[in-house]
């Protein structure tokens, strides 16, 4: 069994409901030509997932538009082939580990499930940097959400200072150990590995225009994969790269054997660049 490929955009705190609707309308137009190419075999989305993590206020609008987009893509025959882009997933950028409670401003898993959300992003570097997220809270969120049935993408990665100090491997080891809860609790993740993915996001390459070279990214991904196997045994957990992914570097990153896709920030905000990335994924 081979690992799946992933392409997810992270809008961060951008695009309100109106802009979300306009984005999806433009995306529908851009994806139409891809349907024909997938039917003829030029593109293939078999075992590949594409989606967007959008602001909480935009989740309902994005779900409505994604459903319309799916109906449009499936409107003509031959649309059930796994070569076709079956749907665009909509994910939340954050969720609390508790199902309810006195947590002002937070959103719970049951709330997200009620409106139809199936994916959640956990542990993004900006949550760690600005909002007090720790390895321990990442563990609580990830495990709880997986046990609730969500697909979860967990973010890990080192800062520039840590890389320059030669601490990349140590930081990644600490973060993997942290989100799994150590060897004592890692076994609780075992039933949910099909819905778990990781994003390696070198913090120094996020929104800076800098990108880890494919060789640097591959080295980090290899280390993460070895860590996952040491905790969980052989597995098919997909690991995406998440540091300034663009249409110019995505294809080269995907050619590396340990890189399974991308978590994209700025390039996902514009329909043209995101559809270009989808096209690149389909040709991989």
C-alpha atoms as a PDB file:
ATOM      1  CA  UNK A   1       0.000   0.000   0.000  1.00  0.00           C
ATOM      2  CA  UNK A   2       1.449   3.380  -1.025  1.00  0.00           C
ATOM      3  CA  UNK A   3       1.012   6.631   0.844  1.00  0.00           C
ATOM      4  CA  UNK A   4      -1.627   9.092  -0.319  1.00  0.00           C
ATOM      5  CA  UNK A   5      -0.743  12.518  -1.718  1.00  0.00           C
ATOM      6  CA  UNK A   6      -2.072  15.732  -0.168  1.00  0.00           C
ATOM      7  CA  UNK A   7      -2.526  19.345  -1.200  1.00  0.00           C
ATOM      8  CA  UNK A   8      -4.170  21.639   1.341  1.00  0.00           C
ATOM      9  CA  UNK A   9      -4.360  25.394   1.396  1.00  0.00           C
ATOM     10  CA  UNK A  10      -4.325  27.301   4.667  1.00  0.00           C
ATOM     11  CA  UNK A  11      -6.023  30.681   4.302  1.00  0.00           C
ATOM     12  CA  UNK A  12      -5.045  31.735   7.835  1.00  0.00           C
ATOM     13  CA  UNK A  13      -6.943  34.966   8.729  1.00  0.00           C
ATOM     14  CA  UNK A  14      -7.835  35.862   5.148  1.00  0.00           C
ATOM     15  CA  UNK A  15     -11.047  35.874   3.044  1.00  0.00           C
ATOM     16  CA  UNK A  16     -14.432  36.514   4.633  1.00  0.00           C
ATOM     17  CA  UNK A  17     -17.636  34.717   3.584  1.00  0.00           C
ATOM     18  CA  UNK A  18     -18.172  36.975   0.524  1.00  0.00           C
ATOM     19  CA  UNK A  19     -14.612  36.465  -0.715  1.00  0.00           C
ATOM     20  CA  UNK A  20     -14.944  32.741   0.010  1.00  0.00           C
ATOM     21  CA  UNK A  21     -17.974  32.466  -2.267  1.00  0.00           C
ATOM     22  CA  UNK A  22     -16.230  34.431  -5.016  1.00  0.00           C
ATOM     23  CA  UNK A  23     -13.158  32.218  -4.669  1.00  0.00           C
ATOM     24  CA  UNK A  24     -15.143  29.012  -5.113  1.00  0.00           C
ATOM     25  CA  UNK A  25     -17.047  30.412  -8.086  1.00  0.00           C
ATOM     26  CA  UNK A  26     -13.757  31.216  -9.795  1.00  0.00           C
ATOM     27  CA  UNK A  27     -12.323  27.850  -8.776  1.00  0.00           C
ATOM     28  CA  UNK A  28     -15.241  26.018 -10.394  1.00  0.00           C
ATOM     29  CA  UNK A  29     -14.456  27.709 -13.703  1.00  0.00           C
ATOM     30  CA  UNK A  30     -10.766  26.884 -13.432  1.00  0.00           C
ATOM     31  CA  UNK A  31     -11.356  23.216 -12.574  1.00  0.00           C
ATOM     32  CA  UNK A  32     -13.704  22.492 -15.473  1.00  0.00           C
ATOM     33  CA  UNK A  33     -10.897  21.835 -18.005  1.00  0.00           C
ATOM     34  CA  UNK A  34      -9.182  19.493 -15.532  1.00  0.00           C
ATOM     35  CA  UNK A  35     -12.200  17.182 -15.512  1.00  0.00           C
ATOM     36  CA  UNK A  36     -11.774  16.380 -19.198  1.00  0.00           C
ATOM     37  CA  UNK A  37      -8.035  15.849 -18.773  1.00  0.00           C
ATOM     38  CA  UNK A  38      -8.654  13.489 -15.859  1.00  0.00           C
ATOM     39  CA  UNK A  39     -11.151  11.484 -17.896  1.00  0.00           C
ATOM     40  CA  UNK A  40      -8.587  11.059 -20.677  1.00  0.00           C
ATOM     41  CA  UNK A  41      -5.872  10.130 -18.192  1.00  0.00           C
ATOM     42  CA  UNK A  42      -3.685  13.237 -18.519  1.00  0.00           C
ATOM     43  CA  UNK A  43      -4.355  13.960 -14.849  1.00  0.00           C
ATOM     44  CA  UNK A  44      -4.987  11.497 -12.037  1.00  0.00           C
ATOM     45  CA  UNK A  45      -6.258  12.199  -8.538  1.00  0.00           C
ATOM     46  CA  UNK A  46      -6.401   8.594  -7.399  1.00  0.00           C
ATOM     47  CA  UNK A  47      -5.317   8.371  -3.726  1.00  0.00           C
ATOM     48  CA  UNK A  48      -4.927  12.162  -3.583  1.00  0.00           C
ATOM     49  CA  UNK A  49      -6.741  14.625  -1.323  1.00  0.00           C
ATOM     50  CA  UNK A  50      -7.185  18.332  -2.024  1.00  0.00           C
ATOM     51  CA  UNK A  51      -8.679  20.817   0.409  1.00  0.00           C
ATOM     52  CA  UNK A  52      -8.671  24.193   2.120  1.00  0.00           C
ATOM     53  CA  UNK A  53      -8.406  25.117   5.799  1.00  0.00           C
ATOM     54  CA  UNK A  54     -10.522  28.272   6.052  1.00  0.00           C
ATOM     55  CA  UNK A  55     -11.359  30.708   8.884  1.00  0.00           C
ATOM     56  CA  UNK A  56     -14.095  29.522  11.234  1.00  0.00           C
ATOM     57  CA  UNK A  57     -16.502  32.242  10.126  1.00  0.00           C
ATOM     58  CA  UNK A  58     -16.199  31.003   6.517  1.00  0.00           C
ATOM     59  CA  UNK A  59     -16.677  27.269   7.123  1.00  0.00           C
ATOM     60  CA  UNK A  60     -20.407  27.199   6.406  1.00  0.00           C
ATOM     61  CA  UNK A  61     -20.050  29.223   3.198  1.00  0.00           C
ATOM     62  CA  UNK A  62     -17.104  27.110   2.045  1.00  0.00           C
ATOM     63  CA  UNK A  63     -19.032  23.898   2.667  1.00  0.00           C
ATOM     64  CA  UNK A  64     -21.970  25.138   0.612  1.00  0.00           C
ATOM     65  CA  UNK A  65     -19.718  26.178  -2.241  1.00  0.00           C
ATOM     66  CA  UNK A  66     -17.660  22.980  -2.077  1.00  0.00           C
ATOM     67  CA  UNK A  67     -20.863  20.928  -2.367  1.00  0.00           C
ATOM     68  CA  UNK A  68     -21.895  22.952  -5.411  1.00  0.00           C
ATOM     69  CA  UNK A  69     -18.426  22.504  -6.872  1.00  0.00           C
ATOM     70  CA  UNK A  70     -18.618  18.736  -6.365  1.00  0.00           C
ATOM     71  CA  UNK A  71     -22.027  18.594  -8.055  1.00  0.00           C
ATOM     72  CA  UNK A  72     -20.675  20.601 -10.962  1.00  0.00           C
ATOM     73  CA  UNK A  73     -17.619  18.385 -11.409  1.00  0.00           C
ATOM     74  CA  UNK A  74     -19.830  15.300 -11.328  1.00  0.00           C
ATOM     75  CA  UNK A  75     -22.516  16.697 -13.611  1.00  0.00           C
ATOM     76  CA  UNK A  76     -21.245  14.940 -16.727  1.00  0.00           C
ATOM     77  CA  UNK A  77     -20.774  11.147 -17.042  1.00  0.00           C
ATOM     78  CA  UNK A  78     -17.515   9.316 -16.310  1.00  0.00           C
ATOM     79  CA  UNK A  79     -17.056  11.349 -13.154  1.00  0.00           C
ATOM     80  CA  UNK A  80     -16.804   8.462 -10.721  1.00  0.00           C
ATOM     81  CA  UNK A  81     -13.349   7.429 -11.928  1.00  0.00           C
ATOM     82  CA  UNK A  82     -10.703   7.751  -9.179  1.00  0.00           C
ATOM     83  CA  UNK A  83      -8.646   9.676 -11.733  1.00  0.00           C
ATOM     84  CA  UNK A  84     -11.034  12.598 -11.250  1.00  0.00           C
ATOM     85  CA  UNK A  85     -10.933  15.146  -8.456  1.00  0.00           C
ATOM     86  CA  UNK A  86     -13.826  13.767  -6.430  1.00  0.00           C
ATOM     87  CA  UNK A  87     -14.253  16.693  -4.040  1.00  0.00           C
ATOM     88  CA  UNK A  88     -12.544  19.637  -2.420  1.00  0.00           C
ATOM     89  CA  UNK A  89     -12.334  19.086   1.343  1.00  0.00           C
ATOM     90  CA  UNK A  90     -13.085  21.956   3.711  1.00  0.00           C
ATOM     91  CA  UNK A  91     -11.210  21.937   7.005  1.00  0.00           C
ATOM     92  CA  UNK A  92     -11.077  23.970  10.215  1.00  0.00           C
ATOM     93  CA  UNK A  93      -7.871  25.688  11.261  1.00  0.00           C
ATOM     94  CA  UNK A  94      -8.403  24.848  14.929  1.00  0.00           C
ATOM     95  CA  UNK A  95     -10.625  22.908  17.327  1.00  0.00           C
ATOM     96  CA  UNK A  96     -10.627  22.382  21.074  1.00  0.00           C
ATOM     97  CA  UNK A  97      -9.997  18.957  22.562  1.00  0.00           C
ATOM     98  CA  UNK A  98     -13.083  19.129  24.801  1.00  0.00           C
ATOM     99  CA  UNK A  99     -16.541  18.447  23.319  1.00  0.00           C
ATOM    100  CA  UNK A 100     -17.984  21.439  25.228  1.00  0.00           C
ATOM    101  CA  UNK A 101     -17.256  23.641  28.214  1.00  0.00           C
ATOM    102  CA  UNK A 102     -16.184  27.063  29.470  1.00  0.00           C
ATOM    103  CA  UNK A 103     -13.684  27.817  26.697  1.00  0.00           C
ATOM    104  CA  UNK A 104     -14.679  31.230  25.372  1.00  0.00           C
ATOM    105  CA  UNK A 105     -13.822  31.761  21.727  1.00  0.00           C
ATOM    106  CA  UNK A 106     -13.062  28.099  20.996  1.00  0.00           C
ATOM    107  CA  UNK A 107     -14.845  25.717  18.636  1.00  0.00           C
ATOM    108  CA  UNK A 108     -15.498  22.070  19.503  1.00  0.00           C
ATOM    109  CA  UNK A 109     -15.413  18.931  17.406  1.00  0.00           C
ATOM    110  CA  UNK A 110     -19.151  18.274  17.774  1.00  0.00           C
ATOM    111  CA  UNK A 111     -19.877  21.812  16.520  1.00  0.00           C
ATOM    112  CA  UNK A 112     -17.717  21.218  13.462  1.00  0.00           C
ATOM    113  CA  UNK A 113     -19.278  17.818  12.819  1.00  0.00           C
ATOM    114  CA  UNK A 114     -22.758  19.310  13.009  1.00  0.00           C
ATOM    115  CA  UNK A 115     -22.057  21.517   9.972  1.00  0.00           C
ATOM    116  CA  UNK A 116     -20.187  18.794   8.073  1.00  0.00           C
ATOM    117  CA  UNK A 117     -16.483  19.467   8.674  1.00  0.00           C
ATOM    118  CA  UNK A 118     -14.249  16.414   8.426  1.00  0.00           C
ATOM    119  CA  UNK A 119     -10.696  17.852   8.546  1.00  0.00           C
ATOM    120  CA  UNK A 120      -8.888  19.878  11.228  1.00  0.00           C
ATOM    121  CA  UNK A 121      -5.437  21.477  11.227  1.00  0.00           C
ATOM    122  CA  UNK A 122      -3.577  21.144  14.528  1.00  0.00           C
ATOM    123  CA  UNK A 123      -0.407  22.725  15.897  1.00  0.00           C
ATOM    124  CA  UNK A 124       0.368  25.277  13.207  1.00  0.00           C
ATOM    125  CA  UNK A 125       3.502  27.272  14.038  1.00  0.00           C
ATOM    126  CA  UNK A 126       1.507  30.503  14.329  1.00  0.00           C
ATOM    127  CA  UNK A 127      -0.680  28.901  17.001  1.00  0.00           C
ATOM    128  CA  UNK A 128       2.496  27.900  18.828  1.00  0.00           C
ATOM    129  CA  UNK A 129       4.179  31.289  18.358  1.00  0.00           C
ATOM    130  CA  UNK A 130       1.308  33.673  19.108  1.00  0.00           C
ATOM    131  CA  UNK A 131      -1.344  31.739  21.027  1.00  0.00           C
ATOM    132  CA  UNK A 132       0.447  29.530  23.511  1.00  0.00           C
ATOM    133  CA  UNK A 133       0.062  26.186  21.740  1.00  0.00           C
ATOM    134  CA  UNK A 134       2.434  23.580  23.180  1.00  0.00           C
ATOM    135  CA  UNK A 135       3.390  20.015  22.330  1.00  0.00           C
ATOM    136  CA  UNK A 136       1.050  18.924  25.111  1.00  0.00           C
ATOM    137  CA  UNK A 137      -1.984  20.834  23.811  1.00  0.00           C
ATOM    138  CA  UNK A 138      -1.220  19.611  20.283  1.00  0.00           C
ATOM    139  CA  UNK A 139      -1.337  16.073  21.659  1.00  0.00           C
ATOM    140  CA  UNK A 140      -4.681  16.673  23.374  1.00  0.00           C
ATOM    141  CA  UNK A 141      -6.229  18.220  20.277  1.00  0.00           C
ATOM    142  CA  UNK A 142      -4.884  15.646  17.832  1.00  0.00           C
ATOM    143  CA  UNK A 143      -5.841  12.575  19.841  1.00  0.00           C
ATOM    144  CA  UNK A 144      -9.285  13.862  20.799  1.00  0.00           C
ATOM    145  CA  UNK A 145     -10.156  14.885  17.243  1.00  0.00           C
ATOM    146  CA  UNK A 146      -8.948  11.597  15.771  1.00  0.00           C
ATOM    147  CA  UNK A 147     -11.009   9.691  18.331  1.00  0.00           C
ATOM    148  CA  UNK A 148     -14.012  11.807  17.303  1.00  0.00           C
ATOM    149  CA  UNK A 149     -13.546  10.671  13.707  1.00  0.00           C
ATOM    150  CA  UNK A 150     -11.866  13.692  12.123  1.00  0.00           C
ATOM    151  CA  UNK A 151      -8.995  13.624   9.660  1.00  0.00           C
ATOM    152  CA  UNK A 152      -6.204  15.567  11.353  1.00  0.00           C
ATOM    153  CA  UNK A 153      -3.102  17.256   9.941  1.00  0.00           C
ATOM    154  CA  UNK A 154      -0.487  17.956  12.625  1.00  0.00           C
ATOM    155  CA  UNK A 155       2.146  20.639  11.971  1.00  0.00           C
ATOM    156  CA  UNK A 156       5.724  20.443  13.219  1.00  0.00           C
ATOM    157  CA  UNK A 157       8.889  22.330  12.347  1.00  0.00           C
ATOM    158  CA  UNK A 158      11.899  24.258  13.603  1.00  0.00           C
ATOM    159  CA  UNK A 159      12.657  27.997  13.795  1.00  0.00           C
ATOM    160  CA  UNK A 160      15.584  29.654  12.031  1.00  0.00           C
ATOM    161  CA  UNK A 161      17.519  29.861  15.283  1.00  0.00           C
ATOM    162  CA  UNK A 162      17.021  26.167  15.937  1.00  0.00           C
ATOM    163  CA  UNK A 163      18.137  25.238  12.414  1.00  0.00           C
ATOM    164  CA  UNK A 164      21.229  27.469  12.620  1.00  0.00           C
ATOM    165  CA  UNK A 165      22.083  25.873  15.964  1.00  0.00           C
ATOM    166  CA  UNK A 166      21.933  22.416  14.392  1.00  0.00           C
ATOM    167  CA  UNK A 167      18.853  21.472  16.449  1.00  0.00           C
ATOM    168  CA  UNK A 168      16.436  20.558  13.626  1.00  0.00           C
ATOM    169  CA  UNK A 169      16.476  16.820  14.318  1.00  0.00           C
ATOM    170  CA  UNK A 170      16.171  17.336  18.079  1.00  0.00           C
ATOM    171  CA  UNK A 171      13.226  19.748  17.691  1.00  0.00           C
ATOM    172  CA  UNK A 172      11.385  17.412  15.332  1.00  0.00           C
ATOM    173  CA  UNK A 173      12.018  14.486  17.673  1.00  0.00           C
ATOM    174  CA  UNK A 174      10.617  16.456  20.609  1.00  0.00           C
ATOM    175  CA  UNK A 175       7.544  17.552  18.662  1.00  0.00           C
ATOM    176  CA  UNK A 176       6.738  14.063  17.346  1.00  0.00           C
ATOM    177  CA  UNK A 177       7.174  12.614  20.836  1.00  0.00           C
ATOM    178  CA  UNK A 178       5.043  15.452  22.206  1.00  0.00           C
ATOM    179  CA  UNK A 179       2.059  15.174  19.887  1.00  0.00           C
ATOM    180  CA  UNK A 180       2.004  11.379  20.260  1.00  0.00           C
ATOM    181  CA  UNK A 181       2.149  11.731  24.044  1.00  0.00           C
ATOM    182  CA  UNK A 182       5.335   9.697  24.395  1.00  0.00           C
ATOM    183  CA  UNK A 183       5.642   5.968  23.945  1.00  0.00           C
ATOM    184  CA  UNK A 184       3.098   5.357  26.686  1.00  0.00           C
ATOM    185  CA  UNK A 185       0.242   6.998  24.775  1.00  0.00           C
ATOM    186  CA  UNK A 186       1.314   6.563  21.145  1.00  0.00           C
ATOM    187  CA  UNK A 187      -0.596   3.276  20.905  1.00  0.00           C
ATOM    188  CA  UNK A 188      -3.861   5.233  21.234  1.00  0.00           C
ATOM    189  CA  UNK A 189      -3.155   6.711  17.800  1.00  0.00           C
ATOM    190  CA  UNK A 190      -2.803   3.299  16.136  1.00  0.00           C
ATOM    191  CA  UNK A 191      -6.515   2.789  15.264  1.00  0.00           C
ATOM    192  CA  UNK A 192      -6.644   6.198  13.574  1.00  0.00           C
ATOM    193  CA  UNK A 193      -3.534   6.301  11.375  1.00  0.00           C
ATOM    194  CA  UNK A 194      -5.538   6.294   8.135  1.00  0.00           C
ATOM    195  CA  UNK A 195      -6.904   9.724   9.153  1.00  0.00           C
ATOM    196  CA  UNK A 196      -3.626  11.186  10.444  1.00  0.00           C
ATOM    197  CA  UNK A 197      -1.218  13.251   8.369  1.00  0.00           C
ATOM    198  CA  UNK A 198       1.667  15.577   9.206  1.00  0.00           C
ATOM    199  CA  UNK A 199       2.970  18.802   7.726  1.00  0.00           C
ATOM    200  CA  UNK A 200       6.639  19.645   8.101  1.00  0.00           C
ATOM    201  CA  UNK A 201       6.744  23.434   8.143  1.00  0.00           C
ATOM    202  CA  UNK A 202      10.160  24.979   8.756  1.00  0.00           C
ATOM    203  CA  UNK A 203       9.087  28.139  10.549  1.00  0.00           C
ATOM    204  CA  UNK A 204      11.863  30.166   8.938  1.00  0.00           C
ATOM    205  CA  UNK A 205      10.365  29.439   5.490  1.00  0.00           C
ATOM    206  CA  UNK A 206       6.738  30.384   6.215  1.00  0.00           C
ATOM    207  CA  UNK A 207       5.683  33.596   4.514  1.00  0.00           C
ATOM    208  CA  UNK A 208       9.291  34.713   4.139  1.00  0.00           C
ATOM    209  CA  UNK A 209       9.825  33.793   0.504  1.00  0.00           C
ATOM    210  CA  UNK A 210      12.543  31.415   1.664  1.00  0.00           C
ATOM    211  CA  UNK A 211      12.046  27.727   1.010  1.00  0.00           C
ATOM    212  CA  UNK A 212      13.973  24.741   2.269  1.00  0.00           C
ATOM    213  CA  UNK A 213      15.778  23.168  -0.632  1.00  0.00           C
ATOM    214  CA  UNK A 214      14.230  19.894  -1.784  1.00  0.00           C
ATOM    215  CA  UNK A 215      17.229  18.163  -0.223  1.00  0.00           C
ATOM    216  CA  UNK A 216      16.730  19.911   3.140  1.00  0.00           C
ATOM    217  CA  UNK A 217      13.024  19.124   3.078  1.00  0.00           C
ATOM    218  CA  UNK A 218      13.641  15.497   2.140  1.00  0.00           C
ATOM    219  CA  UNK A 219      16.163  15.094   4.965  1.00  0.00           C
ATOM    220  CA  UNK A 220      13.641  16.408   7.501  1.00  0.00           C
ATOM    221  CA  UNK A 221      10.849  14.230   6.094  1.00  0.00           C
ATOM    222  CA  UNK A 222      13.059  11.140   6.276  1.00  0.00           C
ATOM    223  CA  UNK A 223      13.798  11.915   9.925  1.00  0.00           C
ATOM    224  CA  UNK A 224      10.107  12.409  10.722  1.00  0.00           C
ATOM    225  CA  UNK A 225       9.189   9.167   8.959  1.00  0.00           C
ATOM    226  CA  UNK A 226      11.803   7.260  10.938  1.00  0.00           C
ATOM    227  CA  UNK A 227      10.435   8.762  14.163  1.00  0.00           C
ATOM    228  CA  UNK A 228       6.877   7.766  13.287  1.00  0.00           C
ATOM    229  CA  UNK A 229       7.968   4.199  12.582  1.00  0.00           C
ATOM    230  CA  UNK A 230       9.847   4.012  15.874  1.00  0.00           C
ATOM    231  CA  UNK A 231       6.681   5.005  17.755  1.00  0.00           C
ATOM    232  CA  UNK A 232       3.985   3.376  15.623  1.00  0.00           C
ATOM    233  CA  UNK A 233       5.692   0.666  13.570  1.00  0.00           C
ATOM    234  CA  UNK A 234       5.376   0.518   9.774  1.00  0.00           C
ATOM    235  CA  UNK A 235       2.735   2.972   8.617  1.00  0.00           C
ATOM    236  CA  UNK A 236       1.504   4.947   5.611  1.00  0.00           C
ATOM    237  CA  UNK A 237       1.131   8.358   7.258  1.00  0.00           C
ATOM    238  CA  UNK A 238       1.432  11.086   4.639  1.00  0.00           C
ATOM    239  CA  UNK A 239       3.831  13.952   5.366  1.00  0.00           C
ATOM    240  CA  UNK A 240       3.314  17.201   3.448  1.00  0.00           C
ATOM    241  CA  UNK A 241       5.845  20.010   3.132  1.00  0.00           C
ATOM    242  CA  UNK A 242       4.644  23.384   4.409  1.00  0.00           C
ATOM    243  CA  UNK A 243       7.183  26.137   3.895  1.00  0.00           C
ATOM    244  CA  UNK A 244       6.392  28.661   1.128  1.00  0.00           C
ATOM    245  CA  UNK A 245       5.134  26.099  -1.388  1.00  0.00           C
ATOM    246  CA  UNK A 246       4.587  27.714  -4.794  1.00  0.00           C
ATOM    247  CA  UNK A 247       3.802  26.599  -8.361  1.00  0.00           C
ATOM    248  CA  UNK A 248       7.512  27.086  -9.071  1.00  0.00           C
ATOM    249  CA  UNK A 249       8.821  24.593  -6.487  1.00  0.00           C
ATOM    250  CA  UNK A 250       5.952  22.149  -5.889  1.00  0.00           C
ATOM    251  CA  UNK A 251       6.767  19.674  -8.661  1.00  0.00           C
ATOM    252  CA  UNK A 252      10.395  19.379  -7.577  1.00  0.00           C
ATOM    253  CA  UNK A 253       9.374  18.843  -3.952  1.00  0.00           C
ATOM    254  CA  UNK A 254       6.925  16.112  -4.961  1.00  0.00           C
ATOM    255  CA  UNK A 255       9.676  14.233  -6.766  1.00  0.00           C
ATOM    256  CA  UNK A 256      11.373  13.544  -3.431  1.00  0.00           C
ATOM    257  CA  UNK A 257      10.396  10.063  -2.151  1.00  0.00           C
ATOM    258  CA  UNK A 258       9.532  11.126   1.400  1.00  0.00           C
ATOM    259  CA  UNK A 259       7.488  14.234   0.524  1.00  0.00           C
ATOM    260  CA  UNK A 260       3.794  13.461   0.046  1.00  0.00           C
ATOM    261  CA  UNK A 261       2.368  16.844  -0.852  1.00  0.00           C
ATOM    262  CA  UNK A 262       2.049  20.402   0.349  1.00  0.00           C
ATOM    263  CA  UNK A 263       0.419  22.606   2.976  1.00  0.00           C
ATOM    264  CA  UNK A 264       0.189  25.925   1.166  1.00  0.00           C
ATOM    265  CA  UNK A 265      -0.277  29.388   2.610  1.00  0.00           C
ATOM    266  CA  UNK A 266      -0.078  32.437   0.354  1.00  0.00           C
ATOM    267  CA  UNK A 267      -0.304  30.487  -2.886  1.00  0.00           C
ATOM    268  CA  UNK A 268      -3.698  29.110  -1.837  1.00  0.00           C
ATOM    269  CA  UNK A 269      -5.256  32.569  -1.491  1.00  0.00           C
ATOM    270  CA  UNK A 270      -5.313  33.153  -5.241  1.00  0.00           C
ATOM    271  CA  UNK A 271      -7.373  30.852  -7.428  1.00  0.00           C
ATOM    272  CA  UNK A 272      -4.880  30.861 -10.295  1.00  0.00           C
ATOM    273  CA  UNK A 273      -1.921  29.697  -8.215  1.00  0.00           C
ATOM    274  CA  UNK A 274      -3.952  27.121  -6.250  1.00  0.00           C
ATOM    275  CA  UNK A 275      -5.390  25.551  -9.397  1.00  0.00           C
ATOM    276  CA  UNK A 276      -1.878  25.419 -10.835  1.00  0.00           C
ATOM    277  CA  UNK A 277      -0.815  23.469  -7.741  1.00  0.00           C
ATOM    278  CA  UNK A 278      -3.807  21.125  -8.162  1.00  0.00           C
ATOM    279  CA  UNK A 279      -2.748  20.559 -11.763  1.00  0.00           C
ATOM    280  CA  UNK A 280       0.812  19.760 -10.679  1.00  0.00           C
ATOM    281  CA  UNK A 281      -0.516  17.263  -8.108  1.00  0.00           C
ATOM    282  CA  UNK A 282      -2.660  15.618 -10.758  1.00  0.00           C
ATOM    283  CA  UNK A 283       0.348  15.174 -13.033  1.00  0.00           C
ATOM    284  CA  UNK A 284       2.504  13.601 -10.308  1.00  0.00           C
END
